[in-house]
Amino acid sequence: MSRPARIIDLGTRDYAEAWRVQLELLAARQRDEVPDTLLLVEHPHVLTLGRGARRENLLASADMPVFEVERGGDVTYHGPGQLCGYPILYLREDERDVHLYLRRLEEAVIRTLAEFAIEGDRQPGLTGVWVGAHKLASLGVAVRRWVTLHGFALNVCTDLERFSAINPCGLSASVMGSMTGVLGRPVAVAEVRAPLLRHFATVLGRCWVEEERGDRRSPRET
């Protein structure tokens, strides 16, 4: 049975602000004050280091701020042309398997790519979604009292040169790819949004009952 959830589209938002919103919603969801929520956002150029990050994988931050966060995984890049999704979900008893949760996030992305005639797949032992030898989506999550935060980043029309500042998830920057690169034509983030939401709802067993856009100050103000 699908569970009600809402979408909050932050548009383009600094990483620090989106992270703050995640943490506020996490606390509110733990108190059962808000429903399950999926945050959608694009970030200005930024690097983030997860709990498993190795400093040697941060090669040159250049003009990009760096944040150490509570998600799993190593170092990654976020920027324009990349669709980030941060699910704030309360995992019910039948969902309390973090590995299964990650596989479901991957599956939602794989099904989304299929709508663009892109055959996404998984690589054994590696989290994320790949097309051949190129990684199109990165995942990193955290779970606090069975409420999730952080999530996935799908390279739609991302400037892949930015990944040269790091060894993304400990890999060579050359493995990173984008939907635009695979298709050989421009793809806009706006094109990907609707199919992603549809497949996320199906795979994660949620149904969208509300959507908010624009400025987002506090979960108590909704």
Protein backbone atom coordinates (compact mmCIF):
# COMPACT_ATOMS: atom_id res chain seq x y z
CA MET A 1 0.00 0.00 0.00
CA SER A 2 1.39 3.42 -1.00
CA ARG A 3 2.06 5.91 1.76
CA PRO A 4 1.34 9.63 1.39
CA ALA A 5 4.30 11.89 0.76
CA ARG A 6 4.98 15.37 -0.52
CA ILE A 7 7.46 17.03 -2.86
CA ILE A 8 9.35 20.20 -2.03
CA ASP A 9 11.20 21.70 -5.00
CA LEU A 10 13.89 24.08 -3.75
CA GLY A 11 14.98 25.08 -7.25
CA THR A 12 18.63 26.18 -7.15
CA ARG A 13 19.83 26.47 -3.58
CA ASP A 14 23.19 26.72 -1.81
CA TYR A 15 24.21 23.41 -0.29
CA ALA A 16 24.32 24.79 3.26
CA GLU A 17 20.73 26.01 3.02
CA ALA A 18 19.44 22.74 1.56
CA TRP A 19 21.32 20.79 4.23
CA ARG A 20 19.72 22.95 6.93
CA VAL A 21 16.27 22.25 5.48
CA GLN A 22 17.04 18.51 5.48
CA LEU A 23 18.02 18.55 9.14
CA GLU A 24 14.92 20.54 10.13
CA LEU A 25 12.67 18.16 8.22
CA LEU A 26 14.49 15.16 9.70
CA ALA A 27 13.74 16.35 13.23
CA ALA A 28 10.14 17.20 12.32
CA ARG A 29 9.62 13.80 10.68
CA GLN A 30 11.03 12.03 13.75
CA ARG A 31 8.40 13.86 15.80
CA ASP A 32 5.75 12.91 13.22
CA GLU A 33 4.99 16.59 12.59
CA VAL A 34 5.42 16.38 8.81
CA PRO A 35 4.80 13.64 6.23
CA ASP A 36 7.43 11.81 4.21
CA THR A 37 9.08 14.36 1.93
CA LEU A 38 11.28 14.37 -1.16
CA LEU A 39 13.41 17.48 -1.58
CA LEU A 40 14.49 18.28 -5.14
CA VAL A 41 17.30 20.76 -5.69
CA GLU A 42 20.15 21.89 -7.91
CA HIS A 43 23.22 23.30 -6.19
CA PRO A 44 25.84 25.84 -7.19
CA HIS A 45 29.27 24.21 -7.45
CA VAL A 46 30.11 22.42 -4.20
CA LEU A 47 32.06 19.41 -2.89
CA THR A 48 30.83 17.18 -0.06
CA LEU A 49 32.65 14.58 1.99
CA GLY A 50 30.75 11.67 3.50
CA ARG A 51 31.57 9.63 6.57
CA GLY A 52 33.88 7.36 4.61
CA ALA A 53 35.75 10.14 2.82
CA ARG A 54 39.50 9.92 2.36
CA ARG A 55 41.18 13.31 2.26
CA GLU A 56 43.52 12.24 -0.54
CA ASN A 57 40.48 12.03 -2.83
CA LEU A 58 40.00 15.79 -2.49
CA LEU A 59 42.49 16.98 -5.10
CA ALA A 60 41.79 20.69 -5.55
CA SER A 61 38.68 22.42 -4.28
CA ALA A 62 39.47 25.54 -6.36
CA ASP A 63 36.52 27.95 -6.07
CA MET A 64 34.16 25.38 -4.56
CA PRO A 65 33.14 25.23 -0.90
CA VAL A 66 33.62 21.91 0.89
CA PHE A 67 31.18 20.39 3.41
CA GLU A 68 31.70 17.38 5.66
CA VAL A 69 28.32 15.71 6.08
CA GLU A 70 26.77 12.68 7.77
CA ARG A 71 25.91 10.66 4.66
CA GLY A 72 27.76 7.49 3.80
CA GLY A 73 30.36 7.39 1.06
CA ASP A 74 33.40 9.37 -0.03
CA VAL A 75 33.78 12.74 -1.74
CA THR A 76 31.48 13.94 -4.51
CA TYR A 77 30.62 17.03 -6.52
CA HIS A 78 27.27 18.78 -6.91
CA GLY A 79 26.53 21.54 -9.36
CA PRO A 80 24.26 23.01 -12.03
CA GLY A 81 22.72 20.49 -14.40
CA GLN A 82 22.61 17.82 -11.70
CA LEU A 83 19.28 16.82 -10.18
CA CYS A 84 19.63 16.03 -6.47
CA GLY A 85 16.93 14.26 -4.51
CA TYR A 86 16.94 14.13 -0.72
CA PRO A 87 14.22 11.80 0.65
CA ILE A 88 13.16 12.44 4.24
CA LEU A 89 11.29 9.17 4.75
CA TYR A 90 10.26 7.29 7.84
CA LEU A 91 11.19 3.68 7.11
CA ARG A 92 8.47 1.33 8.34
CA GLU A 93 9.36 -2.07 9.75
CA ASP A 94 9.19 -3.76 6.35
CA GLU A 95 11.59 -1.13 4.89
CA ARG A 96 14.32 -1.19 7.54
CA ASP A 97 17.16 -2.47 5.40
CA VAL A 98 19.50 0.32 4.32
CA HIS A 99 21.01 -1.75 1.51
CA LEU A 100 17.54 -2.46 0.15
CA TYR A 101 16.69 1.24 0.43
CA LEU A 102 19.77 2.11 -1.64
CA ARG A 103 18.87 -0.48 -4.27
CA ARG A 104 15.39 1.04 -4.51
CA LEU A 105 16.83 4.51 -5.03
CA GLU A 106 19.02 3.08 -7.77
CA GLU A 107 16.02 1.35 -9.33
CA ALA A 108 14.04 4.60 -9.45
CA VAL A 109 16.93 6.23 -11.33
CA ILE A 110 17.35 3.24 -13.66
CA ARG A 111 13.67 3.35 -14.60
CA THR A 112 13.90 7.10 -15.17
CA LEU A 113 16.86 6.68 -17.52
CA ALA A 114 14.98 4.01 -19.45
CA GLU A 115 12.39 6.63 -20.45
CA PHE A 116 15.20 8.39 -22.31
CA ALA A 117 16.34 5.14 -23.97
CA ILE A 118 19.34 4.98 -21.63
CA GLU A 119 20.09 1.54 -20.20
CA GLY A 120 21.23 2.15 -16.64
CA ASP A 121 22.74 -0.63 -14.55
CA ARG A 122 24.62 -1.35 -11.34
CA GLN A 123 28.29 -2.24 -10.84
CA PRO A 124 28.99 -5.08 -8.39
CA GLY A 125 30.27 -3.73 -5.10
CA LEU A 126 29.66 -0.08 -6.04
CA THR A 127 26.71 2.12 -5.11
CA GLY A 128 25.21 4.22 -7.90
CA VAL A 129 23.84 3.91 -11.42
CA TRP A 130 26.08 3.28 -14.41
CA VAL A 131 25.81 3.26 -18.18
CA GLY A 132 28.58 1.05 -19.45
CA ALA A 133 31.81 2.34 -17.93
CA HIS A 134 30.33 5.70 -16.93
CA LYS A 135 28.61 6.59 -13.67
CA LEU A 136 25.57 8.80 -14.09
CA ALA A 137 24.15 8.81 -10.57
CA SER A 138 25.79 8.85 -7.14
CA LEU A 139 24.10 7.87 -3.89
CA GLY A 140 24.88 8.55 -0.27
CA VAL A 141 22.42 8.36 2.59
CA ALA A 142 22.10 8.55 6.34
CA VAL A 143 19.39 7.13 8.60
CA ARG A 144 18.54 8.59 12.01
CA ARG A 145 15.89 6.83 14.13
CA TRP A 146 14.70 5.23 10.89
CA VAL A 147 14.27 8.53 9.10
CA THR A 148 16.40 9.00 5.99
CA LEU A 149 18.30 12.02 4.72
CA HIS A 150 20.69 12.86 1.88
CA GLY A 151 20.05 10.70 -1.20
CA PHE A 152 20.98 10.73 -4.88
CA ALA A 153 22.51 13.02 -7.51
CA LEU A 154 21.78 12.38 -11.20
CA ASN A 155 24.04 14.00 -13.78
CA VAL A 156 21.68 15.38 -16.41
CA CYS A 157 23.68 18.11 -18.19
CA THR A 158 26.43 18.50 -15.61
CA ASP A 159 29.83 20.05 -16.35
CA LEU A 160 31.84 16.86 -15.92
CA GLU A 161 35.13 18.79 -15.87
CA ARG A 162 34.26 19.83 -12.33
CA PHE A 163 34.78 16.24 -11.17
CA SER A 164 38.49 16.62 -11.92
CA ALA A 165 38.81 18.38 -8.55
CA ILE A 166 38.24 15.03 -6.81
CA ASN A 167 38.44 11.28 -7.10
CA PRO A 168 34.65 10.85 -7.00
CA CYS A 169 33.81 8.11 -4.51
CA GLY A 170 37.47 7.12 -4.76
CA LEU A 171 37.30 6.59 -8.53
CA SER A 172 38.90 8.41 -11.44
CA ALA A 173 36.98 11.49 -12.55
CA SER A 174 36.96 10.01 -16.07
CA VAL A 175 34.27 7.49 -15.05
CA MET A 176 31.66 10.20 -14.55
CA GLY A 177 29.06 10.63 -17.26
CA SER A 178 25.83 12.49 -17.90
CA MET A 179 22.55 11.94 -19.70
CA THR A 180 23.52 14.65 -22.19
CA GLY A 181 26.81 12.91 -22.87
CA VAL A 182 25.22 9.49 -23.37
CA LEU A 183 22.51 10.77 -25.70
CA GLY A 184 24.68 13.22 -27.58
CA ARG A 185 22.04 15.92 -27.28
CA PRO A 186 21.07 18.47 -24.64
CA VAL A 187 18.83 17.21 -21.84
CA ALA A 188 17.34 19.68 -19.36
CA VAL A 189 16.82 18.93 -15.68
CA ALA A 190 13.16 19.92 -16.13
CA GLU A 191 12.69 17.02 -18.59
CA VAL A 192 13.83 14.49 -16.01
CA ARG A 193 11.79 15.71 -13.07
CA ALA A 194 8.38 14.19 -13.89
CA PRO A 195 9.56 10.67 -14.80
CA LEU A 196 11.83 10.60 -11.77
CA LEU A 197 8.96 11.53 -9.45
CA ARG A 198 6.72 8.89 -11.02
CA HIS A 199 9.25 6.08 -10.68
CA PHE A 200 10.35 7.16 -7.21
CA ALA A 201 6.76 6.94 -6.02
CA THR A 202 6.29 3.49 -7.57
CA VAL A 203 9.54 1.96 -6.37
CA LEU A 204 9.51 3.52 -2.88
CA GLY A 205 5.81 2.86 -2.32
CA ARG A 206 4.76 6.49 -1.87
CA CYS A 207 1.99 8.58 -3.42
CA TRP A 208 2.37 12.31 -3.93
CA VAL A 209 -0.32 14.28 -2.12
CA GLU A 210 1.26 17.75 -1.99
CA GLU A 211 3.86 19.83 -3.75
CA GLU A 212 5.63 23.02 -2.71
CA ARG A 213 7.94 25.20 -4.75
CA GLY A 214 10.17 28.17 -4.17
CA ASP A 215 11.33 29.60 -0.86
CA ARG A 216 11.57 27.20 2.03
CA ARG A 217 12.13 28.60 5.51
CA SER A 218 11.08 26.06 8.10
CA PRO A 219 8.97 22.88 8.29
CA ARG A 220 6.86 24.63 10.94
CA GLU A 221 5.77 27.27 8.42
CA THR A 222 4.03 24.87 6.01
